[in-house]
Amino acid sequence: MTAIQLPDFQVAALAAKAAAEGLTLEAWLGQLATTVPRRGARTGRVRYSLEELVAQCDPSAPMSGEDAAWLNDQPVGREAI
C-alpha cells in the first residue's frame, strides 16, 4: 500500500467534503477508492478487467450490419477463424 502525506489544510478540506456526505474521512476515502477507475501507471488510461468489460455487454443487443458482414467475410490474412 502506498501512503501520501497531505498538508493539514488539504486534510481539513477533504474531511469537510466527507462530513458533508455524513462520512468520516476514512470512510469517504474508502468509498472513493472503490468508485474511481484504475489508471495505468504509464499511460494514465483507465484499465478495466475482462470481467468488468463483459459485465457492460448486452448479449441480447442486435448485431449491426457492419459486424455481421465482418463475421461472415472470408479471412484476408492469417486469421485462425
C-alpha atoms as a PDB file:
ATOM      1  CA  MET A   1       0.000   0.000   0.000  1.00  0.00           C
ATOM      2  CA  THR A   2       1.265   3.453  -0.897  1.00  0.00           C
ATOM      3  CA  ALA A   3       0.812   6.322   1.507  1.00  0.00           C
ATOM      4  CA  ILE A   4       0.922  10.020   0.796  1.00  0.00           C
ATOM      5  CA  GLN A   5       1.138  12.902   3.213  1.00  0.00           C
ATOM      6  CA  LEU A   6      -1.071  15.908   2.702  1.00  0.00           C
ATOM      7  CA  PRO A   7      -0.789  19.355   4.243  1.00  0.00           C
ATOM      8  CA  ASP A   8      -3.198  19.981   7.122  1.00  0.00           C
ATOM      9  CA  PHE A   9      -5.343  22.406   5.080  1.00  0.00           C
ATOM     10  CA  GLN A  10      -5.930  19.745   2.409  1.00  0.00           C
ATOM     11  CA  VAL A  11      -6.831  17.118   5.009  1.00  0.00           C
ATOM     12  CA  ALA A  12      -9.284  19.584   6.538  1.00  0.00           C
ATOM     13  CA  ALA A  13     -10.852  20.296   3.139  1.00  0.00           C
ATOM     14  CA  LEU A  14     -11.239  16.576   2.395  1.00  0.00           C
ATOM     15  CA  ALA A  15     -12.657  15.950   5.873  1.00  0.00           C
ATOM     16  CA  ALA A  16     -15.218  18.701   5.238  1.00  0.00           C
ATOM     17  CA  LYS A  17     -16.255  17.057   1.947  1.00  0.00           C
ATOM     18  CA  ALA A  18     -16.614  13.728   3.746  1.00  0.00           C
ATOM     19  CA  ALA A  19     -18.626  15.286   6.573  1.00  0.00           C
ATOM     20  CA  ALA A  20     -20.967  16.917   4.044  1.00  0.00           C
ATOM     21  CA  GLU A  21     -21.834  13.376   2.916  1.00  0.00           C
ATOM     22  CA  GLY A  22     -22.188  12.169   6.509  1.00  0.00           C
ATOM     23  CA  LEU A  23     -18.964  10.133   6.417  1.00  0.00           C
ATOM     24  CA  THR A  24     -15.677  10.085   8.237  1.00  0.00           C
ATOM     25  CA  LEU A  25     -12.653  10.947   6.144  1.00  0.00           C
ATOM     26  CA  GLU A  26     -11.512   7.318   6.268  1.00  0.00           C
ATOM     27  CA  ALA A  27     -14.911   6.001   5.134  1.00  0.00           C
ATOM     28  CA  TRP A  28     -15.151   8.647   2.399  1.00  0.00           C
ATOM     29  CA  LEU A  29     -11.694   7.781   1.048  1.00  0.00           C
ATOM     30  CA  GLY A  30     -12.543   4.067   1.198  1.00  0.00           C
ATOM     31  CA  GLN A  31     -15.723   4.676  -0.776  1.00  0.00           C
ATOM     32  CA  LEU A  32     -13.844   6.844  -3.265  1.00  0.00           C
ATOM     33  CA  ALA A  33     -11.195   4.153  -3.751  1.00  0.00           C
ATOM     34  CA  THR A  34     -13.825   1.667  -4.879  1.00  0.00           C
ATOM     35  CA  THR A  35     -15.563   4.021  -7.325  1.00  0.00           C
ATOM     36  CA  VAL A  36     -12.633   5.719  -9.070  1.00  0.00           C
ATOM     37  CA  PRO A  37     -11.468   3.845 -12.174  1.00  0.00           C
ATOM     38  CA  ARG A  38      -7.978   2.411 -12.030  1.00  0.00           C
ATOM     39  CA  ARG A  39      -5.489   4.153 -14.287  1.00  0.00           C
ATOM     40  CA  GLY A  40      -2.406   2.628 -15.855  1.00  0.00           C
ATOM     41  CA  ALA A  41       0.836   3.847 -14.307  1.00  0.00           C
ATOM     42  CA  ARG A  42       2.496   4.670 -17.622  1.00  0.00           C
ATOM     43  CA  THR A  43      -0.419   5.658 -19.836  1.00  0.00           C
ATOM     44  CA  GLY A  44      -2.851   7.222 -17.387  1.00  0.00           C
ATOM     45  CA  ARG A  45      -5.693   5.478 -19.231  1.00  0.00           C
ATOM     46  CA  VAL A  46      -8.474   3.709 -17.379  1.00  0.00           C
ATOM     47  CA  ARG A  47      -7.802  -0.016 -17.086  1.00  0.00           C
ATOM     48  CA  TYR A  48     -10.689  -2.466 -16.952  1.00  0.00           C
ATOM     49  CA  SER A  49     -10.658  -6.164 -16.213  1.00  0.00           C
ATOM     50  CA  LEU A  50     -12.225  -8.554 -18.721  1.00  0.00           C
ATOM     51  CA  GLU A  51     -14.954  -9.253 -16.169  1.00  0.00           C
ATOM     52  CA  GLU A  52     -15.827  -5.534 -15.972  1.00  0.00           C
ATOM     53  CA  LEU A  53     -15.965  -5.213 -19.762  1.00  0.00           C
ATOM     54  CA  VAL A  54     -18.140  -8.306 -20.209  1.00  0.00           C
ATOM     55  CA  ALA A  55     -20.497  -7.051 -17.477  1.00  0.00           C
ATOM     56  CA  GLN A  56     -21.164  -3.964 -19.633  1.00  0.00           C
ATOM     57  CA  CYS A  57     -22.219  -6.056 -22.640  1.00  0.00           C
ATOM     58  CA  ASP A  58     -25.819  -6.722 -23.626  1.00  0.00           C
ATOM     59  CA  PRO A  59     -25.961 -10.187 -25.235  1.00  0.00           C
ATOM     60  CA  SER A  60     -29.491  -9.504 -26.481  1.00  0.00           C
ATOM     61  CA  ALA A  61     -28.442  -6.369 -28.403  1.00  0.00           C
ATOM     62  CA  PRO A  62     -28.938  -6.677 -32.168  1.00  0.00           C
ATOM     63  CA  MET A  63     -25.803  -7.088 -34.261  1.00  0.00           C
ATOM     64  CA  SER A  64     -25.027  -4.232 -36.612  1.00  0.00           C
ATOM     65  CA  GLY A  65     -24.867  -4.892 -40.342  1.00  0.00           C
ATOM     66  CA  GLU A  66     -21.183  -3.995 -40.309  1.00  0.00           C
ATOM     67  CA  ASP A  67     -20.445  -6.534 -37.562  1.00  0.00           C
ATOM     68  CA  ALA A  68     -22.438  -9.252 -39.321  1.00  0.00           C
ATOM     69  CA  ALA A  69     -20.589  -8.570 -42.594  1.00  0.00           C
ATOM     70  CA  TRP A  70     -17.241  -8.715 -40.809  1.00  0.00           C
ATOM     71  CA  LEU A  71     -18.097 -12.034 -39.136  1.00  0.00           C
ATOM     72  CA  ASN A  72     -19.345 -13.563 -42.397  1.00  0.00           C
ATOM     73  CA  ASP A  73     -16.426 -12.340 -44.528  1.00  0.00           C
ATOM     74  CA  GLN A  74     -13.566 -14.567 -45.664  1.00  0.00           C
ATOM     75  CA  PRO A  75     -10.185 -14.337 -43.915  1.00  0.00           C
ATOM     76  CA  VAL A  76      -7.840 -11.838 -45.546  1.00  0.00           C
ATOM     77  CA  GLY A  77      -4.643 -12.638 -43.689  1.00  0.00           C
ATOM     78  CA  ARG A  78      -3.519 -15.249 -41.233  1.00  0.00           C
ATOM     79  CA  GLU A  79      -6.736 -15.361 -39.171  1.00  0.00           C
ATOM     80  CA  ALA A  80      -7.365 -18.716 -37.491  1.00  0.00           C
ATOM     81  CA  ILE A  81     -11.156 -18.485 -37.860  1.00  0.00           C
END
